[in-house]
N, C-alpha and C. Protein backbone atom coordinates (compact mmCIF):
# COMPACT_ATOMS: atom_id res chain seq x y z
N MET A 1 0.84 -1.17 0.00
CA MET A 1 0.00 0.00 0.00
C MET A 1 0.89 1.24 0.00
N ALA A 2 0.59 2.18 -0.86
CA ALA A 2 1.37 3.41 -0.94
C ALA A 2 1.08 4.30 0.26
N PHE A 3 2.09 4.97 0.73
CA PHE A 3 1.94 5.85 1.89
C PHE A 3 1.85 7.29 1.44
N ARG A 4 0.87 8.00 2.00
CA ARG A 4 0.74 9.44 1.77
C ARG A 4 0.75 10.13 3.12
N GLU A 5 1.55 11.18 3.23
CA GLU A 5 1.61 11.92 4.49
C GLU A 5 0.28 12.62 4.74
N ILE A 6 0.04 12.92 6.00
CA ILE A 6 -1.19 13.57 6.41
C ILE A 6 -1.23 14.99 5.81
N ASP A 7 -2.38 15.37 5.25
CA ASP A 7 -2.47 16.70 4.63
C ASP A 7 -2.77 17.77 5.68
N ASP A 8 -2.71 19.03 5.25
CA ASP A 8 -2.86 20.15 6.19
C ASP A 8 -4.22 20.17 6.88
N ASP A 9 -5.29 19.90 6.14
CA ASP A 9 -6.63 19.93 6.74
C ASP A 9 -6.79 18.86 7.81
N LEU A 10 -6.35 17.65 7.51
CA LEU A 10 -6.47 16.57 8.49
C LEU A 10 -5.53 16.80 9.67
N TRP A 11 -4.36 17.38 9.41
CA TRP A 11 -3.43 17.66 10.50
C TRP A 11 -4.04 18.64 11.51
N GLU A 12 -4.76 19.63 11.03
CA GLU A 12 -5.39 20.59 11.94
C GLU A 12 -6.39 19.90 12.86
N ILE A 13 -7.07 18.88 12.37
CA ILE A 13 -8.01 18.13 13.19
C ILE A 13 -7.27 17.26 14.19
N VAL A 14 -6.26 16.52 13.71
CA VAL A 14 -5.52 15.61 14.58
C VAL A 14 -4.77 16.37 15.67
N ARG A 15 -4.23 17.53 15.33
CA ARG A 15 -3.42 18.30 16.28
C ARG A 15 -4.20 18.66 17.54
N GLU A 16 -5.50 18.80 17.43
CA GLU A 16 -6.33 19.13 18.60
C GLU A 16 -6.31 18.01 19.64
N TYR A 17 -6.06 16.79 19.22
CA TYR A 17 -6.07 15.64 20.13
C TYR A 17 -4.73 15.40 20.81
N LEU A 18 -3.66 15.95 20.26
CA LEU A 18 -2.33 15.68 20.77
C LEU A 18 -2.10 16.35 22.11
N PRO A 19 -1.35 15.69 22.99
CA PRO A 19 -1.05 16.31 24.28
C PRO A 19 -0.16 17.53 24.08
N PRO A 20 -0.30 18.54 24.94
CA PRO A 20 0.55 19.73 24.78
C PRO A 20 2.02 19.38 25.00
N THR A 21 2.88 20.06 24.28
CA THR A 21 4.30 19.81 24.46
C THR A 21 4.76 20.42 25.77
N LYS A 22 5.58 19.68 26.48
CA LYS A 22 6.05 20.12 27.78
C LYS A 22 7.38 20.86 27.60
N PRO A 23 7.56 21.96 28.32
CA PRO A 23 8.86 22.63 28.23
C PRO A 23 9.95 21.73 28.82
N HIS A 24 11.09 21.72 28.19
CA HIS A 24 12.17 20.88 28.68
C HIS A 24 13.52 21.52 28.37
N ILE A 25 14.54 21.00 29.00
CA ILE A 25 15.90 21.49 28.79
C ILE A 25 16.59 20.51 27.85
N GLY A 26 17.44 21.03 27.00
CA GLY A 26 18.19 20.15 26.11
C GLY A 26 17.83 20.39 24.66
N ARG A 27 17.97 19.33 23.89
CA ARG A 27 17.70 19.42 22.46
C ARG A 27 16.23 19.74 22.21
N PRO A 28 15.95 20.52 21.18
CA PRO A 28 14.54 20.80 20.87
C PRO A 28 13.82 19.53 20.44
N ARG A 29 12.55 19.47 20.76
CA ARG A 29 11.75 18.29 20.41
C ARG A 29 11.55 18.23 18.91
N CYS A 30 11.32 17.02 18.43
CA CYS A 30 11.03 16.81 17.01
C CYS A 30 9.64 17.36 16.69
N ASP A 31 9.44 17.61 15.42
CA ASP A 31 8.15 18.11 14.94
C ASP A 31 7.08 17.03 15.14
N PRO A 32 6.00 17.35 15.88
CA PRO A 32 4.95 16.35 16.11
C PRO A 32 4.32 15.83 14.81
N ARG A 33 4.22 16.68 13.82
CA ARG A 33 3.63 16.23 12.56
C ARG A 33 4.52 15.19 11.88
N GLY A 34 5.81 15.41 11.91
CA GLY A 34 6.74 14.43 11.35
C GLY A 34 6.68 13.11 12.09
N LEU A 35 6.61 13.19 13.42
CA LEU A 35 6.52 11.97 14.23
C LEU A 35 5.23 11.22 13.93
N PHE A 36 4.12 11.97 13.82
CA PHE A 36 2.83 11.34 13.53
C PHE A 36 2.86 10.69 12.15
N ASN A 37 3.48 11.36 11.18
CA ASN A 37 3.63 10.76 9.85
C ASN A 37 4.49 9.50 9.91
N GLY A 38 5.50 9.49 10.78
CA GLY A 38 6.31 8.29 10.96
C GLY A 38 5.50 7.13 11.49
N ILE A 39 4.61 7.43 12.44
CA ILE A 39 3.72 6.39 12.99
C ILE A 39 2.79 5.88 11.89
N LEU A 40 2.20 6.80 11.14
CA LEU A 40 1.32 6.39 10.04
C LEU A 40 2.07 5.58 9.00
N TYR A 41 3.34 5.91 8.77
CA TYR A 41 4.15 5.15 7.81
C TYR A 41 4.26 3.69 8.24
N VAL A 42 4.56 3.47 9.52
CA VAL A 42 4.68 2.10 10.03
C VAL A 42 3.34 1.38 9.93
N LEU A 43 2.26 2.05 10.31
CA LEU A 43 0.94 1.41 10.30
C LEU A 43 0.45 1.13 8.88
N THR A 44 0.79 1.99 7.94
CA THR A 44 0.32 1.84 6.57
C THR A 44 1.14 0.80 5.80
N THR A 45 2.46 0.86 5.94
CA THR A 45 3.32 -0.02 5.15
C THR A 45 3.53 -1.38 5.80
N GLY A 46 3.33 -1.46 7.11
CA GLY A 46 3.56 -2.71 7.81
C GLY A 46 5.02 -2.97 8.13
N CYS A 47 5.87 -1.97 7.95
CA CYS A 47 7.29 -2.15 8.25
C CYS A 47 7.52 -2.14 9.76
N THR A 48 8.73 -2.43 10.17
CA THR A 48 9.07 -2.37 11.59
C THR A 48 9.51 -0.95 11.93
N TRP A 49 9.62 -0.69 13.22
CA TRP A 49 10.08 0.63 13.67
C TRP A 49 11.50 0.90 13.19
N LEU A 50 12.26 -0.15 12.96
CA LEU A 50 13.64 0.01 12.48
C LEU A 50 13.69 0.60 11.08
N ASP A 51 12.61 0.45 10.32
CA ASP A 51 12.59 0.89 8.92
C ASP A 51 11.94 2.25 8.71
N VAL A 52 11.69 2.99 9.78
CA VAL A 52 11.08 4.32 9.65
C VAL A 52 12.07 5.24 8.95
N PRO A 53 11.67 5.93 7.87
CA PRO A 53 12.58 6.85 7.21
C PRO A 53 13.06 7.95 8.17
N ALA A 54 14.31 8.33 8.02
CA ALA A 54 14.94 9.28 8.94
C ALA A 54 14.29 10.66 8.90
N ASN A 55 13.61 11.01 7.82
CA ASN A 55 13.00 12.35 7.76
C ASN A 55 11.83 12.51 8.73
N TYR A 56 11.33 11.41 9.31
CA TYR A 56 10.26 11.49 10.31
C TYR A 56 10.81 11.53 11.73
N GLY A 57 12.08 11.28 11.89
CA GLY A 57 12.70 11.22 13.21
C GLY A 57 13.38 9.88 13.36
N THR A 58 14.10 9.72 14.45
CA THR A 58 14.76 8.44 14.67
C THR A 58 13.71 7.38 15.01
N LYS A 59 14.08 6.14 14.78
CA LYS A 59 13.13 5.04 15.04
C LYS A 59 12.69 5.03 16.49
N SER A 60 13.61 5.30 17.40
CA SER A 60 13.26 5.28 18.82
C SER A 60 12.37 6.46 19.20
N THR A 61 12.60 7.62 18.59
CA THR A 61 11.77 8.79 18.88
C THR A 61 10.35 8.60 18.37
N VAL A 62 10.22 8.09 17.16
CA VAL A 62 8.89 7.85 16.59
C VAL A 62 8.15 6.81 17.42
N HIS A 63 8.84 5.74 17.81
CA HIS A 63 8.21 4.70 18.61
C HIS A 63 7.82 5.23 19.99
N ARG A 64 8.69 6.02 20.60
CA ARG A 64 8.39 6.59 21.92
C ARG A 64 7.16 7.51 21.83
N TYR A 65 7.06 8.29 20.76
CA TYR A 65 5.91 9.18 20.57
C TYR A 65 4.64 8.36 20.40
N HIS A 66 4.73 7.25 19.67
CA HIS A 66 3.59 6.35 19.50
C HIS A 66 3.12 5.83 20.86
N LEU A 67 4.06 5.39 21.69
CA LEU A 67 3.71 4.89 23.03
C LEU A 67 3.09 5.98 23.89
N GLU A 68 3.60 7.20 23.75
CA GLU A 68 3.05 8.33 24.50
C GLU A 68 1.60 8.60 24.09
N LEU A 69 1.34 8.54 22.78
CA LEU A 69 -0.03 8.76 22.30
C LEU A 69 -0.95 7.64 22.77
N CYS A 70 -0.43 6.42 22.84
CA CYS A 70 -1.23 5.30 23.36
C CYS A 70 -1.58 5.54 24.82
N GLU A 71 -0.59 5.90 25.62
CA GLU A 71 -0.81 6.12 27.06
C GLU A 71 -1.76 7.27 27.33
N GLU A 72 -1.70 8.30 26.50
CA GLU A 72 -2.56 9.47 26.67
C GLU A 72 -3.98 9.23 26.16
N GLY A 73 -4.21 8.12 25.46
CA GLY A 73 -5.54 7.81 24.94
C GLY A 73 -5.91 8.60 23.70
N VAL A 74 -4.90 9.08 22.98
CA VAL A 74 -5.14 9.91 21.79
C VAL A 74 -5.83 9.11 20.70
N TYR A 75 -5.34 7.91 20.43
CA TYR A 75 -5.94 7.10 19.36
C TYR A 75 -7.39 6.76 19.67
N GLN A 76 -7.66 6.43 20.91
CA GLN A 76 -9.03 6.09 21.31
C GLN A 76 -9.95 7.30 21.17
N ALA A 77 -9.47 8.47 21.55
CA ALA A 77 -10.28 9.69 21.43
C ALA A 77 -10.60 9.99 19.97
N ILE A 78 -9.60 9.86 19.10
CA ILE A 78 -9.82 10.10 17.68
C ILE A 78 -10.83 9.09 17.13
N PHE A 79 -10.67 7.82 17.48
CA PHE A 79 -11.57 6.78 17.00
C PHE A 79 -13.00 7.03 17.46
N LEU A 80 -13.18 7.36 18.74
CA LEU A 80 -14.53 7.57 19.26
C LEU A 80 -15.20 8.78 18.61
N ASP A 81 -14.44 9.84 18.37
CA ASP A 81 -15.03 11.00 17.70
C ASP A 81 -15.37 10.70 16.24
N LEU A 82 -14.53 9.92 15.56
CA LEU A 82 -14.86 9.51 14.19
C LEU A 82 -16.11 8.65 14.17
N LEU A 83 -16.21 7.74 15.13
CA LEU A 83 -17.39 6.89 15.23
C LEU A 83 -18.64 7.72 15.50
N ARG A 84 -18.54 8.65 16.43
CA ARG A 84 -19.67 9.51 16.77
C ARG A 84 -20.11 10.34 15.56
N SER A 85 -19.14 10.91 14.85
CA SER A 85 -19.52 11.72 13.69
C SER A 85 -20.08 10.84 12.58
N GLY A 86 -19.62 9.60 12.47
CA GLY A 86 -20.19 8.68 11.49
C GLY A 86 -21.64 8.37 11.77
N TYR A 87 -21.98 8.22 13.05
CA TYR A 87 -23.38 8.02 13.43
C TYR A 87 -24.22 9.26 13.10
N GLU A 88 -23.67 10.43 13.41
CA GLU A 88 -24.42 11.67 13.21
C GLU A 88 -24.76 11.91 11.74
N ILE A 89 -23.84 11.59 10.85
CA ILE A 89 -24.12 11.81 9.43
C ILE A 89 -24.68 10.56 8.76
N LYS A 90 -25.03 9.58 9.59
CA LYS A 90 -25.69 8.35 9.14
C LYS A 90 -24.86 7.57 8.12
N LYS A 91 -23.54 7.53 8.35
CA LYS A 91 -22.65 6.72 7.51
C LYS A 91 -22.31 5.40 8.18
N ILE A 92 -22.71 5.24 9.45
CA ILE A 92 -22.47 4.00 10.17
C ILE A 92 -23.81 3.46 10.64
N ASP A 93 -24.06 2.20 10.33
CA ASP A 93 -25.30 1.55 10.74
C ASP A 93 -24.95 0.16 11.27
N LEU A 94 -25.08 -0.01 12.57
CA LEU A 94 -24.74 -1.29 13.18
C LEU A 94 -25.97 -2.16 13.42
N SER A 95 -27.07 -1.88 12.75
CA SER A 95 -28.27 -2.68 12.95
C SER A 95 -28.15 -4.06 12.30
N HIS A 96 -27.19 -4.24 11.42
CA HIS A 96 -26.99 -5.53 10.76
C HIS A 96 -25.61 -6.09 11.12
N CYS A 97 -25.38 -6.30 12.39
CA CYS A 97 -24.09 -6.82 12.86
C CYS A 97 -24.21 -8.29 13.18
N SER A 98 -23.10 -8.97 13.16
CA SER A 98 -23.07 -10.37 13.58
C SER A 98 -21.95 -10.54 14.59
N THR A 99 -22.08 -11.59 15.39
CA THR A 99 -21.09 -11.88 16.41
C THR A 99 -20.31 -13.11 15.99
N ASP A 100 -19.04 -13.09 16.24
CA ASP A 100 -18.20 -14.25 15.96
C ASP A 100 -18.63 -15.39 16.88
N THR A 101 -18.86 -16.56 16.31
CA THR A 101 -19.35 -17.68 17.12
C THR A 101 -18.32 -18.18 18.11
N LYS A 102 -17.07 -17.84 17.95
CA LYS A 102 -16.06 -18.25 18.92
C LYS A 102 -16.26 -17.56 20.26
N ALA A 103 -16.96 -16.44 20.25
CA ALA A 103 -17.20 -15.70 21.49
C ALA A 103 -18.38 -16.25 22.27
N ILE A 104 -19.15 -17.17 21.67
CA ILE A 104 -20.33 -17.73 22.32
C ILE A 104 -20.00 -19.13 22.81
N PRO A 105 -20.06 -19.40 24.11
CA PRO A 105 -19.72 -20.73 24.61
C PRO A 105 -20.78 -21.77 24.21
N ALA A 106 -20.33 -22.98 24.00
CA ALA A 106 -21.24 -24.09 23.69
C ALA A 106 -22.01 -24.48 24.94
N LYS A 107 -23.25 -24.96 24.77
CA LYS A 107 -24.09 -25.30 25.93
C LYS A 107 -23.44 -26.38 26.78
N LYS A 108 -22.90 -27.41 26.15
CA LYS A 108 -22.28 -28.49 26.91
C LYS A 108 -20.79 -28.58 26.60
N GLY A 109 -20.23 -27.47 26.16
CA GLY A 109 -18.83 -27.47 25.77
C GLY A 109 -17.88 -27.32 26.94
N LEU A 110 -16.63 -27.42 26.63
CA LEU A 110 -15.59 -27.28 27.64
C LEU A 110 -15.42 -25.82 28.02
N ASP A 111 -15.00 -25.60 29.25
CA ASP A 111 -14.72 -24.24 29.69
C ASP A 111 -13.31 -23.81 29.30
N ARG A 112 -12.51 -24.75 28.86
CA ARG A 112 -11.14 -24.42 28.53
C ARG A 112 -10.83 -24.89 27.11
N LEU A 113 -9.80 -24.30 26.55
CA LEU A 113 -9.32 -24.73 25.23
C LEU A 113 -7.85 -24.97 25.29
């Protein structure tokens, strides 16, 4: 799958969810947009963190930023807002859902696998 960096309009939306940058001593922090694009690169291409292009930041910095966003609940907040807006504009309809049968225990089945 080809990777495209996040565009300006979408970045303005995503930026609202990101935690504020904390003042610190030492080297200046990397650009959050570049780091976010590095995360999207890994998720889109399926490569490892070792293969992140250097223009997005070092592999460890991009991975650390990803973990920070996970801990802060950024991905979950973005997902829930997308889901909510999908319901509002009637693009999501869960009235025809099915459940995986592996999640339903058998009446006389084993409790363990």
